[in-house]
Amino acid sequence: MVYVLLWLSCAIIAAVIGNRKGEAGSGFLIGLLFGPFGVLFALLSSGNRKPCPHCKELIHKKAEVCPHCRTPLVAKT
């Protein structure tokens, strides 16, 4: 029973980490399948984020304006 609770807590922790990176569902699944290693993988993954070309903070891949430095990321035509 202890191992089941440990595995479920790893899945929840990985889901919380994945949620902050925009990948809550896959974080939960990885945590559920791999336990503590899934949590480690969730910590090391970048999710669906990329670095801003101006301030280097991680932002959503489809962002049009960086929420940190407020620089427009889409070229105006």
Protein backbone atom coordinates (compact mmCIF):
# COMPACT_ATOMS: atom_id res chain seq x y z
CA MET A 1 0.00 0.00 0.00
CA VAL A 2 2.91 2.32 0.75
CA TYR A 3 4.29 1.85 -2.76
CA VAL A 4 0.93 2.66 -4.35
CA LEU A 5 0.73 5.91 -2.36
CA LEU A 6 4.32 6.74 -3.26
CA TRP A 7 3.63 6.13 -6.96
CA LEU A 8 0.43 8.22 -6.90
CA SER A 9 2.19 11.06 -5.10
CA CYS A 10 4.94 10.98 -7.73
CA ALA A 11 2.26 11.23 -10.42
CA ILE A 12 0.64 14.20 -8.69
CA ILE A 13 3.96 15.96 -8.15
CA ALA A 14 4.93 15.43 -11.81
CA ALA A 15 1.51 16.77 -12.86
CA VAL A 16 2.00 19.93 -10.79
CA ILE A 17 5.45 20.45 -12.28
CA GLY A 18 4.09 19.74 -15.76
CA ASN A 19 1.21 22.15 -15.22
CA ARG A 20 3.68 24.97 -14.60
CA LYS A 21 5.30 24.07 -17.91
CA GLY A 22 2.04 23.68 -19.83
CA GLU A 23 2.10 19.87 -19.88
CA ALA A 24 0.02 18.71 -16.88
CA GLY A 25 -1.46 15.61 -18.54
CA SER A 26 1.79 14.25 -19.83
CA GLY A 27 3.50 15.09 -16.52
CA PHE A 28 0.91 13.03 -14.65
CA LEU A 29 1.26 10.13 -17.07
CA ILE A 30 5.05 10.12 -16.90
CA GLY A 31 4.95 10.35 -13.09
CA LEU A 32 2.45 7.50 -12.93
CA LEU A 33 4.46 5.25 -15.24
CA PHE A 34 7.97 5.98 -13.96
CA GLY A 35 7.41 7.13 -10.36
CA PRO A 36 10.35 9.10 -8.94
CA PHE A 37 12.12 9.03 -12.31
CA GLY A 38 9.03 10.62 -13.85
CA VAL A 39 9.27 13.48 -11.37
CA LEU A 40 12.91 13.95 -12.32
CA PHE A 41 12.01 13.93 -16.02
CA ALA A 42 9.25 16.50 -15.42
CA LEU A 43 11.73 18.73 -13.63
CA LEU A 44 14.27 18.53 -16.45
CA SER A 45 11.88 18.97 -19.38
CA SER A 46 11.15 22.40 -20.81
CA GLY A 47 7.54 21.59 -21.66
CA ASN A 48 5.96 23.60 -24.43
CA ARG A 49 8.09 26.64 -23.70
CA LYS A 50 10.98 28.28 -25.49
CA PRO A 51 13.47 30.96 -24.43
CA CYS A 52 12.64 34.57 -25.29
CA PRO A 53 15.20 35.85 -27.84
CA HIS A 54 15.57 39.09 -25.87
CA CYS A 55 15.53 38.27 -22.12
CA LYS A 56 16.10 34.46 -22.34
CA GLU A 57 13.19 33.65 -19.95
CA LEU A 58 11.12 30.56 -20.82
CA ILE A 59 7.80 31.54 -22.42
CA HIS A 60 4.97 29.71 -24.20
CA LYS A 61 5.89 28.68 -27.75
CA LYS A 62 2.90 30.52 -29.26
CA ALA A 63 3.38 33.75 -27.28
CA GLU A 64 3.24 36.93 -29.32
CA VAL A 65 4.59 39.17 -26.52
CA CYS A 66 7.07 38.12 -23.85
CA PRO A 67 5.35 38.41 -20.44
CA HIS A 68 8.69 39.22 -18.78
CA CYS A 69 10.27 41.90 -20.98
CA ARG A 70 7.09 42.86 -22.93
CA THR A 71 8.92 42.61 -26.26
CA PRO A 72 6.80 41.66 -29.30
CA LEU A 73 7.90 38.31 -30.69
CA VAL A 74 5.92 38.23 -33.93
CA ALA A 75 7.22 40.25 -36.86
CA LYS A 76 4.74 42.93 -37.92
CA THR A 77 3.85 42.95 -41.60
